[in-house]
Amino acid sequence: MSGFADLAMVTIDCDDPQALARFWSEVLGREVSHSEEYYAMVDGAGGAPLGFGRVEGYRPPQWPNPDGTKQYHLDLYVDDIDKAAERCLALGATRPAFQPGDTWTVLLDPSGHPFCLCRRSGEQ
């Protein structure tokens, strides 16, 4: 199937664009290619860039949230979920108490956005 558009980038609302760009730069092994007070971007080498925009009065999504206002989440393939989780936690992520499965791990980035660490084989 052929689409008519290509993904240019994903921009994520947050309270501290520079801090969130540094976090995702370390997690994904990508460079922070732009950083200013209200916006930062992580280079998309091999994929679309991630942008981070400051929103005054930002409130992080709740996890879990039965009302469905989670906004988005990223699924990341990793070789070792436990090791990847420990690195993410050391970089400022947190692990919420609610974990909906036993073959992946949900973490929250420093601005409170949920993301999942999944086995690289794609097993869910």
N, C-alpha and C. Protein backbone atom coordinates (compact mmCIF):
# COMPACT_ATOMS: atom_id res chain seq x y z
N MET A 1 0.85 -1.18 0.00
CA MET A 1 0.00 0.00 0.00
C MET A 1 0.89 1.24 0.00
N SER A 2 0.57 2.16 -0.81
CA SER A 2 1.35 3.38 -0.93
C SER A 2 0.56 4.54 -0.37
N GLY A 3 1.20 5.27 0.54
CA GLY A 3 0.55 6.46 1.10
C GLY A 3 0.89 7.68 0.29
N PHE A 4 0.32 8.80 0.67
CA PHE A 4 0.59 10.05 -0.03
C PHE A 4 1.39 11.03 0.82
N ALA A 5 1.77 10.61 2.03
CA ALA A 5 2.54 11.50 2.91
C ALA A 5 3.59 10.69 3.65
N ASP A 6 4.65 11.37 4.09
CA ASP A 6 5.67 10.77 4.92
C ASP A 6 5.67 11.47 6.27
N LEU A 7 5.92 10.72 7.30
CA LEU A 7 5.99 11.30 8.63
C LEU A 7 7.20 12.23 8.71
N ALA A 8 6.97 13.50 8.97
CA ALA A 8 8.06 14.47 9.06
C ALA A 8 8.71 14.45 10.43
N MET A 9 7.89 14.41 11.47
CA MET A 9 8.40 14.33 12.83
C MET A 9 7.23 14.17 13.79
N VAL A 10 7.54 13.84 15.01
CA VAL A 10 6.56 13.77 16.09
C VAL A 10 6.97 14.84 17.10
N THR A 11 6.03 15.71 17.47
CA THR A 11 6.32 16.75 18.46
C THR A 11 5.49 16.46 19.70
N ILE A 12 6.15 16.50 20.85
CA ILE A 12 5.55 16.13 22.12
C ILE A 12 5.48 17.35 23.02
N ASP A 13 4.30 17.63 23.56
CA ASP A 13 4.15 18.72 24.52
C ASP A 13 4.81 18.34 25.84
N CYS A 14 5.41 19.33 26.51
CA CYS A 14 6.08 19.05 27.78
C CYS A 14 6.31 20.35 28.54
N ASP A 15 6.91 20.25 29.72
CA ASP A 15 7.22 21.43 30.51
C ASP A 15 8.67 21.88 30.36
N ASP A 16 9.57 20.98 29.95
CA ASP A 16 11.00 21.31 29.86
C ASP A 16 11.59 20.64 28.62
N PRO A 17 11.53 21.33 27.47
CA PRO A 17 11.98 20.72 26.21
C PRO A 17 13.44 20.26 26.23
N GLN A 18 14.34 21.05 26.83
CA GLN A 18 15.75 20.67 26.83
C GLN A 18 15.97 19.38 27.61
N ALA A 19 15.37 19.27 28.78
CA ALA A 19 15.54 18.07 29.60
C ALA A 19 14.96 16.84 28.90
N LEU A 20 13.80 17.00 28.28
CA LEU A 20 13.18 15.85 27.62
C LEU A 20 13.99 15.43 26.39
N ALA A 21 14.55 16.40 25.67
CA ALA A 21 15.40 16.08 24.51
C ALA A 21 16.65 15.33 24.97
N ARG A 22 17.26 15.75 26.07
CA ARG A 22 18.44 15.05 26.58
C ARG A 22 18.09 13.61 26.98
N PHE A 23 16.96 13.42 27.64
CA PHE A 23 16.51 12.09 28.05
C PHE A 23 16.36 11.18 26.82
N TRP A 24 15.56 11.63 25.82
CA TRP A 24 15.32 10.80 24.65
C TRP A 24 16.56 10.64 23.79
N SER A 25 17.45 11.61 23.79
CA SER A 25 18.72 11.48 23.08
C SER A 25 19.52 10.32 23.63
N GLU A 26 19.60 10.20 24.93
CA GLU A 26 20.33 9.10 25.56
C GLU A 26 19.64 7.76 25.33
N VAL A 27 18.32 7.73 25.48
CA VAL A 27 17.58 6.47 25.30
C VAL A 27 17.70 5.96 23.87
N LEU A 28 17.57 6.84 22.88
CA LEU A 28 17.55 6.42 21.48
C LEU A 28 18.93 6.47 20.81
N GLY A 29 19.93 7.03 21.49
CA GLY A 29 21.25 7.14 20.89
C GLY A 29 21.28 8.11 19.72
N ARG A 30 20.52 9.20 19.83
CA ARG A 30 20.44 10.21 18.78
C ARG A 30 20.95 11.54 19.33
N GLU A 31 21.31 12.45 18.44
CA GLU A 31 21.83 13.75 18.82
C GLU A 31 20.70 14.75 19.08
N VAL A 32 20.90 15.63 20.04
CA VAL A 32 20.02 16.79 20.20
C VAL A 32 20.45 17.77 19.11
N SER A 33 19.60 17.98 18.13
CA SER A 33 19.97 18.81 16.99
C SER A 33 19.50 20.25 17.12
N HIS A 34 18.62 20.52 18.07
CA HIS A 34 18.14 21.88 18.29
C HIS A 34 17.68 21.99 19.73
N SER A 35 18.03 23.10 20.38
CA SER A 35 17.62 23.28 21.76
C SER A 35 17.51 24.76 22.08
N GLU A 36 16.34 25.17 22.49
CA GLU A 36 16.11 26.54 22.94
C GLU A 36 15.06 26.48 24.05
N GLU A 37 14.72 27.63 24.60
CA GLU A 37 13.84 27.66 25.76
C GLU A 37 12.50 26.97 25.53
N TYR A 38 11.90 27.19 24.37
CA TYR A 38 10.55 26.68 24.14
C TYR A 38 10.47 25.48 23.19
N TYR A 39 11.61 25.05 22.68
CA TYR A 39 11.57 23.93 21.74
C TYR A 39 12.93 23.24 21.67
N ALA A 40 12.89 21.92 21.55
CA ALA A 40 14.12 21.14 21.34
C ALA A 40 13.78 20.00 20.39
N MET A 41 14.81 19.44 19.73
CA MET A 41 14.58 18.36 18.78
C MET A 41 15.72 17.36 18.86
N VAL A 42 15.37 16.10 18.73
CA VAL A 42 16.33 15.00 18.67
C VAL A 42 16.36 14.52 17.23
N ASP A 43 17.58 14.43 16.65
CA ASP A 43 17.77 14.05 15.26
C ASP A 43 17.15 12.70 14.98
N GLY A 44 16.57 12.57 13.80
CA GLY A 44 15.89 11.34 13.43
C GLY A 44 16.70 10.43 12.55
N ALA A 45 18.02 10.32 12.78
CA ALA A 45 18.86 9.43 11.97
C ALA A 45 18.19 8.06 11.87
N GLY A 46 17.81 7.70 10.68
CA GLY A 46 17.15 6.42 10.47
C GLY A 46 15.65 6.47 10.74
N GLY A 47 15.11 7.63 11.05
CA GLY A 47 13.69 7.75 11.33
C GLY A 47 13.31 9.20 11.52
N ALA A 48 12.05 9.42 11.80
CA ALA A 48 11.57 10.79 11.97
C ALA A 48 12.12 11.39 13.26
N PRO A 49 12.42 12.69 13.25
CA PRO A 49 12.89 13.35 14.47
C PRO A 49 11.78 13.41 15.52
N LEU A 50 12.20 13.61 16.76
CA LEU A 50 11.28 13.88 17.85
C LEU A 50 11.47 15.33 18.26
N GLY A 51 10.37 16.07 18.34
CA GLY A 51 10.40 17.44 18.80
C GLY A 51 9.72 17.54 20.15
N PHE A 52 10.12 18.54 20.93
CA PHE A 52 9.57 18.74 22.27
C PHE A 52 9.25 20.21 22.43
N GLY A 53 7.96 20.52 22.63
CA GLY A 53 7.53 21.91 22.73
C GLY A 53 7.01 22.23 24.12
N ARG A 54 7.50 23.35 24.66
CA ARG A 54 7.05 23.79 25.99
C ARG A 54 5.60 24.28 25.91
N VAL A 55 4.79 23.81 26.84
CA VAL A 55 3.41 24.24 26.97
C VAL A 55 3.26 24.79 28.38
N GLU A 56 2.91 26.08 28.48
CA GLU A 56 2.71 26.68 29.80
C GLU A 56 1.54 25.98 30.49
N GLY A 57 1.72 25.68 31.75
CA GLY A 57 0.68 24.98 32.51
C GLY A 57 0.57 23.50 32.16
N TYR A 58 1.61 22.96 31.52
CA TYR A 58 1.60 21.55 31.11
C TYR A 58 1.23 20.64 32.27
N ARG A 59 0.35 19.70 32.00
CA ARG A 59 -0.01 18.66 32.96
C ARG A 59 0.25 17.31 32.29
N PRO A 60 1.06 16.46 32.91
CA PRO A 60 1.35 15.16 32.29
C PRO A 60 0.11 14.28 32.24
N PRO A 61 0.08 13.38 31.26
CA PRO A 61 -1.03 12.43 31.21
C PRO A 61 -0.98 11.52 32.43
N GLN A 62 -2.11 10.96 32.78
CA GLN A 62 -2.19 10.04 33.91
C GLN A 62 -2.03 8.60 33.40
N TRP A 63 -1.39 7.79 34.21
CA TRP A 63 -1.23 6.36 33.87
C TRP A 63 -1.52 5.54 35.10
N PRO A 64 -2.42 4.60 35.03
CA PRO A 64 -3.36 4.38 33.91
C PRO A 64 -4.43 5.46 33.92
N ASN A 65 -5.10 5.61 32.80
CA ASN A 65 -6.15 6.60 32.69
C ASN A 65 -7.34 5.99 31.97
N PRO A 66 -8.36 5.58 32.73
CA PRO A 66 -9.53 4.94 32.12
C PRO A 66 -10.33 5.88 31.22
N ASP A 67 -10.07 7.21 31.33
CA ASP A 67 -10.80 8.16 30.49
C ASP A 67 -10.20 8.29 29.10
N GLY A 68 -9.07 7.63 28.85
CA GLY A 68 -8.49 7.61 27.51
C GLY A 68 -7.78 8.88 27.10
N THR A 69 -7.30 9.68 28.05
CA THR A 69 -6.63 10.92 27.70
C THR A 69 -5.11 10.79 27.80
N LYS A 70 -4.59 9.62 27.52
CA LYS A 70 -3.16 9.34 27.62
C LYS A 70 -2.37 10.17 26.62
N GLN A 71 -2.91 10.59 25.53
CA GLN A 71 -2.31 11.40 24.47
C GLN A 71 -1.56 10.55 23.46
N TYR A 72 -0.58 9.79 23.86
CA TYR A 72 0.22 8.97 22.96
C TYR A 72 1.14 8.12 23.82
N HIS A 73 1.77 7.13 23.22
CA HIS A 73 2.92 6.49 23.87
C HIS A 73 3.81 5.91 22.79
N LEU A 74 5.09 5.77 23.11
CA LEU A 74 6.05 5.18 22.21
C LEU A 74 6.31 3.74 22.64
N ASP A 75 6.39 2.83 21.69
CA ASP A 75 6.85 1.47 21.95
C ASP A 75 8.28 1.38 21.43
N LEU A 76 9.19 0.92 22.28
CA LEU A 76 10.60 0.80 21.91
C LEU A 76 11.02 -0.66 21.97
N TYR A 77 11.65 -1.14 20.92
CA TYR A 77 12.22 -2.48 20.94
C TYR A 77 13.60 -2.43 21.59
N VAL A 78 13.85 -3.36 22.52
CA VAL A 78 15.12 -3.46 23.21
C VAL A 78 15.52 -4.93 23.29
N ASP A 79 16.82 -5.19 23.46
CA ASP A 79 17.29 -6.56 23.58
C ASP A 79 17.00 -7.14 24.97
N ASP A 80 17.12 -6.33 26.00
CA ASP A 80 16.93 -6.78 27.38
C ASP A 80 16.08 -5.75 28.10
N ILE A 81 14.84 -6.10 28.38
CA ILE A 81 13.90 -5.16 28.98
C ILE A 81 14.39 -4.66 30.34
N ASP A 82 14.88 -5.55 31.19
CA ASP A 82 15.31 -5.14 32.52
C ASP A 82 16.49 -4.18 32.47
N LYS A 83 17.48 -4.49 31.63
CA LYS A 83 18.64 -3.60 31.51
C LYS A 83 18.24 -2.25 30.92
N ALA A 84 17.38 -2.27 29.91
CA ALA A 84 16.93 -1.02 29.30
C ALA A 84 16.13 -0.20 30.30
N ALA A 85 15.30 -0.85 31.09
CA ALA A 85 14.53 -0.13 32.11
C ALA A 85 15.45 0.52 33.13
N GLU A 86 16.46 -0.19 33.57
CA GLU A 86 17.40 0.38 34.55
C GLU A 86 18.12 1.60 33.98
N ARG A 87 18.52 1.54 32.71
CA ARG A 87 19.16 2.71 32.08
C ARG A 87 18.20 3.88 32.00
N CYS A 88 16.96 3.60 31.61
CA CYS A 88 15.96 4.67 31.52
C CYS A 88 15.69 5.29 32.89
N LEU A 89 15.59 4.45 33.91
CA LEU A 89 15.37 4.95 35.27
C LEU A 89 16.53 5.82 35.72
N ALA A 90 17.75 5.41 35.40
CA ALA A 90 18.93 6.20 35.76
C ALA A 90 18.94 7.55 35.04
N LEU A 91 18.30 7.62 33.87
CA LEU A 91 18.25 8.86 33.10
C LEU A 91 17.09 9.77 33.53
N GLY A 92 16.24 9.29 34.43
CA GLY A 92 15.16 10.13 34.93
C GLY A 92 13.76 9.61 34.70
N ALA A 93 13.61 8.46 34.07
CA ALA A 93 12.28 7.86 33.91
C ALA A 93 11.81 7.34 35.26
N THR A 94 10.52 7.07 35.36
CA THR A 94 9.96 6.44 36.55
C THR A 94 9.14 5.23 36.12
N ARG A 95 8.95 4.30 37.05
CA ARG A 95 8.18 3.09 36.77
C ARG A 95 6.86 3.18 37.54
N PRO A 96 5.74 3.31 36.82
CA PRO A 96 4.45 3.36 37.52
C PRO A 96 4.12 2.00 38.11
N ALA A 97 3.29 2.00 39.14
CA ALA A 97 2.90 0.75 39.79
C ALA A 97 2.08 -0.12 38.83
N PHE A 98 1.20 0.50 38.04
CA PHE A 98 0.35 -0.27 37.15
C PHE A 98 1.14 -0.72 35.93
N GLN A 99 1.22 -2.02 35.74
CA GLN A 99 1.87 -2.65 34.59
C GLN A 99 0.86 -3.61 33.96
N PRO A 100 0.34 -3.31 32.77
CA PRO A 100 -0.76 -4.09 32.21
C PRO A 100 -0.37 -5.45 31.61
N GLY A 101 0.90 -5.74 31.51
CA GLY A 101 1.30 -7.02 30.94
C GLY A 101 2.55 -7.52 31.61
N ASP A 102 2.98 -8.72 31.24
CA ASP A 102 4.20 -9.26 31.85
C ASP A 102 5.31 -9.50 30.83
N THR A 103 5.08 -9.13 29.57
CA THR A 103 6.12 -9.29 28.55
C THR A 103 6.64 -7.95 28.05
N TRP A 104 6.21 -6.86 28.66
CA TRP A 104 6.74 -5.54 28.36
C TRP A 104 6.67 -4.72 29.64
N THR A 105 7.38 -3.59 29.65
CA THR A 105 7.40 -2.73 30.82
C THR A 105 7.00 -1.32 30.42
N VAL A 106 6.11 -0.73 31.19
CA VAL A 106 5.70 0.65 30.99
C VAL A 106 6.54 1.54 31.91
N LEU A 107 7.12 2.58 31.33
CA LEU A 107 7.84 3.60 32.10
C LEU A 107 7.24 4.96 31.75
N LEU A 108 7.57 5.97 32.56
CA LEU A 108 7.15 7.34 32.29
C LEU A 108 8.40 8.17 32.07
N ASP A 109 8.43 8.95 30.99
CA ASP A 109 9.60 9.80 30.76
C ASP A 109 9.60 10.94 31.78
N PRO A 110 10.64 11.78 31.82
CA PRO A 110 10.71 12.81 32.85
C PRO A 110 9.54 13.81 32.85
N SER A 111 8.79 13.91 31.76
CA SER A 111 7.62 14.78 31.73
C SER A 111 6.32 14.02 31.98
N GLY A 112 6.42 12.73 32.29
CA GLY A 112 5.25 11.94 32.63
C GLY A 112 4.59 11.20 31.50
N HIS A 113 5.18 11.21 30.28
CA HIS A 113 4.60 10.48 29.15
C HIS A 113 4.92 9.00 29.28
N PRO A 114 3.92 8.13 29.15
CA PRO A 114 4.20 6.70 29.20
C PRO A 114 4.89 6.22 27.92
N PHE A 115 5.79 5.25 28.07
CA PHE A 115 6.38 4.55 26.93
C PHE A 115 6.62 3.11 27.35
N CYS A 116 6.67 2.22 26.36
CA CYS A 116 6.80 0.80 26.63
C CYS A 116 8.12 0.27 26.11
N LEU A 117 8.75 -0.57 26.90
CA LEU A 117 9.93 -1.31 26.47
C LEU A 117 9.47 -2.72 26.12
N CYS A 118 9.70 -3.11 24.88
CA CYS A 118 9.23 -4.39 24.36
C CYS A 118 10.45 -5.19 23.86
N ARG A 119 10.33 -6.51 23.94
CA ARG A 119 11.42 -7.35 23.39
C ARG A 119 11.58 -7.08 21.91
N ARG A 120 12.84 -6.99 21.47
CA ARG A 120 13.13 -6.67 20.08
C ARG A 120 12.48 -7.64 19.11
N SER A 121 12.26 -8.88 19.51
CA SER A 121 11.64 -9.86 18.62
C SER A 121 10.22 -9.45 18.25
N GLY A 122 9.68 -8.47 18.94
CA GLY A 122 8.33 -8.02 18.64
C GLY A 122 7.27 -8.73 19.43
N GLU A 123 7.66 -9.65 20.30
CA GLU A 123 6.67 -10.35 21.11
C GLU A 123 5.98 -9.36 22.03
N GLN A 124 4.70 -9.45 22.09
CA GLN A 124 3.93 -8.58 22.99
C GLN A 124 3.43 -9.42 24.10
